[in-house]
Amino acid sequence: MASPAGMVSTGTTTTSSAGSDQVPVPVPVPAVVVEERKRRRKESNRLSAQRSRARKQQQLDDLAAQAAELRARNGAMALAAREAARRCAAVQAENDLLRARGIQLAADLQSLTELVHCLDAAAACFAAPPTAAAAGAAGAGFIMPQPPLLDATMHCNYYY
């Protein structure tokens, strides 16, 4: 409160009386000092608000930069994922072709194996009968040449 002499009683001190009780006594403070305190407090609050706004703006700028960086990384990762998917599809297509080629080659091998067996059977049918020297002296006169019982094509199950 302002006193008539331009004093404001805002400060307090304690005084001792004869008893053990201490009573706070208001000390008058000049109005100029009070106004100076108000002005400094306002200035301090203004500067604090400026710092707070600057910190918030810096945080906002940092977050915006981080968001831009994350968007760029996300785009790069999406591109890499699409490229990996494309390569995977190409490898799967090549794998399917190779698998089909392997099946085809296995079938060709089976056919050729059957053809070889058929030709071996035909060759065995048309082989020359053992000679007298090969049969031995004891059985030389008793072996007669025999005509083949089956035609060579009857042994083959190979159809081309």
Protein backbone atom coordinates (compact mmCIF):
# COMPACT_ATOMS: atom_id res chain seq x y z
CA MET A 1 0.00 0.00 0.00
CA ALA A 2 1.13 3.49 -0.74
CA SER A 3 1.71 5.72 2.20
CA PRO A 4 1.28 9.47 2.04
CA ALA A 5 5.03 9.99 1.79
CA GLY A 6 5.36 7.82 -1.36
CA MET A 7 6.30 4.71 0.56
CA VAL A 8 4.91 1.26 0.03
CA SER A 9 4.94 -1.24 2.84
CA THR A 10 5.92 -4.46 1.16
CA GLY A 11 8.94 -5.58 3.13
CA THR A 12 8.81 -7.02 6.65
CA THR A 13 11.20 -7.31 9.51
CA THR A 14 10.89 -8.97 12.86
CA THR A 15 11.27 -7.17 16.11
CA SER A 16 11.85 -8.59 19.54
CA SER A 17 9.85 -7.39 22.43
CA ALA A 18 10.31 -8.25 26.04
CA GLY A 19 8.58 -11.56 25.46
CA SER A 20 9.69 -14.45 23.35
CA ASP A 21 7.18 -13.67 20.60
CA GLN A 22 8.51 -12.06 17.44
CA VAL A 23 6.09 -9.90 15.53
CA PRO A 24 6.69 -9.01 11.87
CA VAL A 25 6.74 -5.28 11.31
CA PRO A 26 6.20 -3.88 7.80
CA VAL A 27 9.09 -1.84 6.46
CA PRO A 28 8.17 0.89 4.02
CA VAL A 29 9.75 0.53 0.51
CA PRO A 30 9.96 3.56 -1.81
CA ALA A 31 7.56 3.50 -4.81
CA VAL A 32 10.48 3.97 -7.20
CA VAL A 33 11.98 0.68 -6.01
CA VAL A 34 8.63 -1.09 -6.45
CA GLU A 35 8.25 0.31 -9.97
CA GLU A 36 11.80 -0.75 -10.82
CA ARG A 37 11.08 -4.28 -9.58
CA LYS A 38 7.91 -4.41 -11.69
CA ARG A 39 9.79 -3.16 -14.74
CA ARG A 40 12.59 -5.73 -14.25
CA ARG A 41 10.06 -8.50 -13.70
CA LYS A 42 8.21 -7.52 -16.89
CA GLU A 43 11.48 -7.42 -18.82
CA SER A 44 12.51 -10.78 -17.38
CA ASN A 45 9.13 -12.28 -18.27
CA ARG A 46 9.31 -10.82 -21.77
CA LEU A 47 12.81 -12.26 -22.33
CA SER A 48 11.75 -15.60 -20.87
CA ALA A 49 8.77 -15.70 -23.22
CA GLN A 50 11.06 -14.87 -26.16
CA ARG A 51 13.42 -17.68 -25.19
CA SER A 52 10.49 -20.05 -24.82
CA ARG A 53 9.13 -19.09 -28.25
CA ALA A 54 12.62 -19.47 -29.76
CA ARG A 55 12.99 -22.94 -28.17
CA LYS A 56 9.59 -23.98 -29.49
CA GLN A 57 10.45 -22.67 -32.96
CA GLN A 58 13.78 -24.52 -32.86
CA GLN A 59 12.00 -27.71 -31.82
CA LEU A 60 9.49 -27.21 -34.63
CA ASP A 61 12.28 -26.66 -37.16
CA ASP A 62 14.13 -29.74 -35.88
CA LEU A 63 10.98 -31.85 -36.15
CA ALA A 64 10.31 -30.55 -39.68
CA ALA A 65 13.88 -31.43 -40.71
CA GLN A 66 13.56 -34.85 -39.11
CA ALA A 67 10.24 -35.43 -40.91
CA ALA A 68 11.84 -34.48 -44.25
CA GLU A 69 14.76 -36.83 -43.58
CA LEU A 70 12.41 -39.66 -42.63
CA ARG A 71 10.33 -39.07 -45.78
CA ALA A 72 13.49 -39.27 -47.88
CA ARG A 73 14.61 -42.47 -46.13
CA ASN A 74 11.12 -43.92 -46.51
CA GLY A 75 11.18 -43.17 -50.24
CA ALA A 76 14.59 -44.79 -50.62
CA MET A 77 13.45 -47.86 -48.70
CA ALA A 78 10.27 -48.11 -50.77
CA LEU A 79 12.36 -47.94 -53.95
CA ALA A 80 14.70 -50.63 -52.62
CA ALA A 81 11.72 -52.82 -51.66
CA ARG A 82 10.20 -52.46 -55.15
CA GLU A 83 13.54 -53.33 -56.74
CA ALA A 84 13.92 -56.38 -54.45
CA ALA A 85 10.39 -57.51 -55.33
CA ARG A 86 11.16 -57.10 -59.04
CA ARG A 87 14.37 -59.13 -58.71
CA CYS A 88 12.54 -61.77 -56.65
CA ALA A 89 9.88 -62.12 -59.36
CA ALA A 90 12.60 -62.43 -62.02
CA VAL A 91 14.42 -65.11 -60.01
CA GLN A 92 11.15 -66.99 -59.45
CA ALA A 93 10.38 -66.87 -63.18
CA GLU A 94 13.88 -68.12 -63.99
CA ASN A 95 13.51 -70.83 -61.34
CA ASP A 96 10.22 -71.96 -62.91
CA LEU A 97 11.87 -72.10 -66.35
CA LEU A 98 14.81 -74.08 -64.99
CA ARG A 99 12.50 -76.46 -63.15
CA ALA A 100 10.48 -77.05 -66.35
CA ARG A 101 13.72 -77.52 -68.32
CA GLY A 102 14.91 -80.04 -65.71
CA ILE A 103 11.65 -81.99 -66.02
CA GLN A 104 11.97 -81.90 -69.82
CA LEU A 105 15.59 -83.09 -69.68
CA ALA A 106 14.65 -85.90 -67.26
CA ALA A 107 11.92 -87.04 -69.66
CA ASP A 108 14.38 -86.89 -72.58
CA LEU A 109 16.90 -88.93 -70.57
CA GLN A 110 14.23 -91.53 -69.77
CA SER A 111 13.29 -91.75 -73.46
CA LEU A 112 16.91 -92.11 -74.51
CA THR A 113 17.49 -94.76 -71.85
CA GLU A 114 14.51 -96.73 -73.14
CA LEU A 115 15.84 -96.35 -76.69
CA VAL A 116 19.25 -97.68 -75.63
CA HIS A 117 17.61 -100.68 -73.93
CA CYS A 118 15.54 -101.29 -77.03
CA LEU A 119 18.59 -101.10 -79.29
CA ASP A 120 20.52 -103.43 -76.95
CA ALA A 121 17.66 -105.92 -77.09
CA ALA A 122 17.52 -105.69 -80.88
CA ALA A 123 21.28 -106.13 -81.15
CA ALA A 124 21.10 -109.19 -78.90
CA CYS A 125 18.46 -110.71 -81.15
CA PHE A 126 20.58 -110.26 -84.24
CA ALA A 127 23.88 -111.32 -82.68
CA ALA A 128 25.79 -114.07 -84.46
CA PRO A 129 25.42 -117.48 -82.88
CA PRO A 130 28.44 -118.74 -80.99
CA THR A 131 31.04 -120.40 -83.19
CA ALA A 132 32.18 -123.95 -82.68
CA ALA A 133 35.42 -122.77 -81.14
CA ALA A 134 33.52 -120.60 -78.67
CA ALA A 135 31.09 -123.39 -77.76
CA GLY A 136 33.85 -125.91 -77.20
CA ALA A 137 34.64 -129.17 -78.94
CA ALA A 138 32.10 -131.23 -77.08
CA GLY A 139 29.07 -129.24 -78.06
CA ALA A 140 30.19 -127.98 -81.45
CA GLY A 141 27.94 -130.18 -83.56
CA PHE A 142 24.81 -129.82 -81.50
CA ILE A 143 24.22 -126.01 -81.64
CA MET A 144 21.98 -125.03 -84.45
CA PRO A 145 21.36 -121.41 -85.42
CA GLN A 146 17.89 -120.33 -84.33
CA PRO A 147 15.84 -117.58 -85.95
CA PRO A 148 14.83 -114.77 -83.59
CA LEU A 149 11.55 -115.43 -81.84
CA LEU A 150 10.50 -111.79 -81.75
CA ASP A 151 10.97 -108.89 -84.07
CA ALA A 152 13.35 -106.17 -82.74
CA THR A 153 10.63 -103.50 -82.70
CA MET A 154 8.45 -105.58 -80.39
CA HIS A 155 10.96 -105.12 -77.55
CA CYS A 156 10.75 -101.32 -77.67
CA ASN A 157 8.11 -99.35 -75.84
CA TYR A 158 9.56 -96.19 -77.27
CA TYR A 159 7.25 -94.11 -79.40
CA TYR A 160 8.55 -90.95 -80.92
